[in-house]
Amino acid sequence: YLITTTILERGVTFPEIDLLVLGADNSVFSTSALVQIAGRVGRSVSRPDGDVIFICDRYTRKVKDAQKQIEFLNKKAKKLREGIS
């Protein structure tokens, strides 16, 4: 697992990683930042997916929304990989 600051939302890519976001409910993270950070997971042809774990004291609206967006985007990507649009 990679542990990082918000810098990971800025497009840094490390192939074949899993990710742990500590304090995902902290005000430093927005919903879009959490989604962008989660998008750094996998990122290689041999392993395009991976695990993202949000650690938080409270399951806040932004964490819930990020989780929903990530699930939606993953389903969409899976359909595209399978040739269904």
C-alpha atoms as a PDB file:
ATOM      1  CA  TYR A   1       0.000   0.000   0.000  1.00  0.00           C
ATOM      2  CA  LEU A   2       1.051   3.557  -0.705  1.00  0.00           C
ATOM      3  CA  ILE A   3       0.435   6.217   1.937  1.00  0.00           C
ATOM      4  CA  THR A   4       0.520   9.766   0.638  1.00  0.00           C
ATOM      5  CA  THR A   5      -0.649  13.345   1.030  1.00  0.00           C
ATOM      6  CA  THR A   6      -3.072  15.106  -1.301  1.00  0.00           C
ATOM      7  CA  ILE A   7      -0.265  15.338  -3.884  1.00  0.00           C
ATOM      8  CA  LEU A   8      -1.490  12.031  -5.305  1.00  0.00           C
ATOM      9  CA  GLU A   9      -4.621  13.697  -6.679  1.00  0.00           C
ATOM     10  CA  ARG A  10      -2.428  15.768  -9.002  1.00  0.00           C
ATOM     11  CA  GLY A  11      -1.741  13.036 -11.537  1.00  0.00           C
ATOM     12  CA  VAL A  12       1.271  11.232 -10.125  1.00  0.00           C
ATOM     13  CA  THR A  13       1.194   7.623 -11.294  1.00  0.00           C
ATOM     14  CA  PHE A  14       2.754   4.571  -9.674  1.00  0.00           C
ATOM     15  CA  PRO A  15       1.804   1.379 -11.522  1.00  0.00           C
ATOM     16  CA  GLU A  16       0.458  -1.657  -9.688  1.00  0.00           C
ATOM     17  CA  ILE A  17      -0.232  -0.027  -6.311  1.00  0.00           C
ATOM     18  CA  ASP A  18      -2.942  -0.323  -3.697  1.00  0.00           C
ATOM     19  CA  LEU A  19      -3.865   2.742  -1.704  1.00  0.00           C
ATOM     20  CA  LEU A  20      -4.782   3.683   1.847  1.00  0.00           C
ATOM     21  CA  VAL A  21      -6.171   7.172   2.533  1.00  0.00           C
ATOM     22  CA  LEU A  22      -5.814   8.043   6.211  1.00  0.00           C
ATOM     23  CA  GLY A  23      -8.284  10.609   7.501  1.00  0.00           C
ATOM     24  CA  ALA A  24     -10.426  10.508   4.367  1.00  0.00           C
ATOM     25  CA  ASP A  25     -13.094  12.467   6.246  1.00  0.00           C
ATOM     26  CA  ASN A  26     -10.656  15.330   6.957  1.00  0.00           C
ATOM     27  CA  SER A  27     -11.547  18.716   5.470  1.00  0.00           C
ATOM     28  CA  VAL A  28      -8.372  18.662   3.361  1.00  0.00           C
ATOM     29  CA  PHE A  29     -10.033  16.052   1.116  1.00  0.00           C
ATOM     30  CA  SER A  30     -12.984  16.884  -1.135  1.00  0.00           C
ATOM     31  CA  THR A  31     -15.128  14.278  -2.862  1.00  0.00           C
ATOM     32  CA  SER A  32     -13.375  14.956  -6.155  1.00  0.00           C
ATOM     33  CA  ALA A  33      -9.943  14.732  -4.493  1.00  0.00           C
ATOM     34  CA  LEU A  34     -10.808  11.307  -3.057  1.00  0.00           C
ATOM     35  CA  VAL A  35     -12.000  10.127  -6.483  1.00  0.00           C
ATOM     36  CA  GLN A  36      -8.836  11.450  -8.148  1.00  0.00           C
ATOM     37  CA  ILE A  37      -6.631   9.810  -5.539  1.00  0.00           C
ATOM     38  CA  ALA A  38      -8.462   6.505  -5.984  1.00  0.00           C
ATOM     39  CA  GLY A  39      -7.842   6.825  -9.721  1.00  0.00           C
ATOM     40  CA  ARG A  40      -4.123   6.354  -9.089  1.00  0.00           C
ATOM     41  CA  VAL A  41      -4.667   2.691  -8.149  1.00  0.00           C
ATOM     42  CA  GLY A  42      -3.538  -0.025 -10.541  1.00  0.00           C
ATOM     43  CA  ARG A  43      -2.603   1.980 -13.622  1.00  0.00           C
ATOM     44  CA  SER A  44      -0.835  -0.752 -15.562  1.00  0.00           C
ATOM     45  CA  VAL A  45      -1.792  -3.152 -18.338  1.00  0.00           C
ATOM     46  CA  SER A  46      -0.842  -6.154 -16.226  1.00  0.00           C
ATOM     47  CA  ARG A  47      -2.819  -4.866 -13.225  1.00  0.00           C
ATOM     48  CA  PRO A  48      -5.344  -2.179 -14.164  1.00  0.00           C
ATOM     49  CA  ASP A  49      -7.154  -2.310 -10.834  1.00  0.00           C
ATOM     50  CA  GLY A  50      -6.333  -2.477  -7.158  1.00  0.00           C
ATOM     51  CA  ASP A  51      -7.602  -1.779  -3.665  1.00  0.00           C
ATOM     52  CA  VAL A  52      -8.490   1.616  -2.223  1.00  0.00           C
ATOM     53  CA  ILE A  53      -9.222   1.896   1.481  1.00  0.00           C
ATOM     54  CA  PHE A  54     -10.577   5.089   3.034  1.00  0.00           C
ATOM     55  CA  ILE A  55      -9.834   5.273   6.771  1.00  0.00           C
ATOM     56  CA  CYS A  56     -12.041   7.799   8.551  1.00  0.00           C
ATOM     57  CA  ASP A  57     -13.511   8.590  11.950  1.00  0.00           C
ATOM     58  CA  ARG A  58     -16.886   9.453  10.411  1.00  0.00           C
ATOM     59  CA  TYR A  59     -18.511   8.087   7.268  1.00  0.00           C
ATOM     60  CA  THR A  60     -19.236  11.556   5.877  1.00  0.00           C
ATOM     61  CA  ARG A  61     -21.263  12.613   2.854  1.00  0.00           C
ATOM     62  CA  LYS A  62     -18.112  13.320   0.827  1.00  0.00           C
ATOM     63  CA  VAL A  63     -16.700   9.853   1.556  1.00  0.00           C
ATOM     64  CA  LYS A  64     -20.052   8.263   0.622  1.00  0.00           C
ATOM     65  CA  ASP A  65     -20.239  10.332  -2.566  1.00  0.00           C
ATOM     66  CA  ALA A  66     -16.659   9.443  -3.497  1.00  0.00           C
ATOM     67  CA  GLN A  67     -17.402   5.760  -2.973  1.00  0.00           C
ATOM     68  CA  LYS A  68     -20.520   5.984  -5.178  1.00  0.00           C
ATOM     69  CA  GLN A  69     -18.633   7.813  -7.937  1.00  0.00           C
ATOM     70  CA  ILE A  70     -15.777   5.301  -7.850  1.00  0.00           C
ATOM     71  CA  GLU A  71     -18.199   2.373  -8.046  1.00  0.00           C
ATOM     72  CA  PHE A  72     -20.027   4.018 -10.976  1.00  0.00           C
ATOM     73  CA  LEU A  73     -16.796   4.752 -12.850  1.00  0.00           C
ATOM     74  CA  ASN A  74     -15.505   1.226 -12.252  1.00  0.00           C
ATOM     75  CA  LYS A  75     -18.727  -0.270 -13.657  1.00  0.00           C
ATOM     76  CA  LYS A  76     -18.492   2.020 -16.681  1.00  0.00           C
ATOM     77  CA  ALA A  77     -14.847   1.062 -17.272  1.00  0.00           C
ATOM     78  CA  LYS A  78     -15.683  -2.630 -16.988  1.00  0.00           C
ATOM     79  CA  LYS A  79     -18.406  -2.279 -19.627  1.00  0.00           C
ATOM     80  CA  LEU A  80     -15.998  -0.455 -21.930  1.00  0.00           C
ATOM     81  CA  ARG A  81     -13.389  -3.191 -21.502  1.00  0.00           C
ATOM     82  CA  GLU A  82     -16.031  -5.772 -22.357  1.00  0.00           C
ATOM     83  CA  GLY A  83     -17.069  -3.810 -25.448  1.00  0.00           C
ATOM     84  CA  ILE A  84     -20.437  -2.690 -24.088  1.00  0.00           C
ATOM     85  CA  SER A  85     -21.126   1.047 -24.113  1.00  0.00           C
END
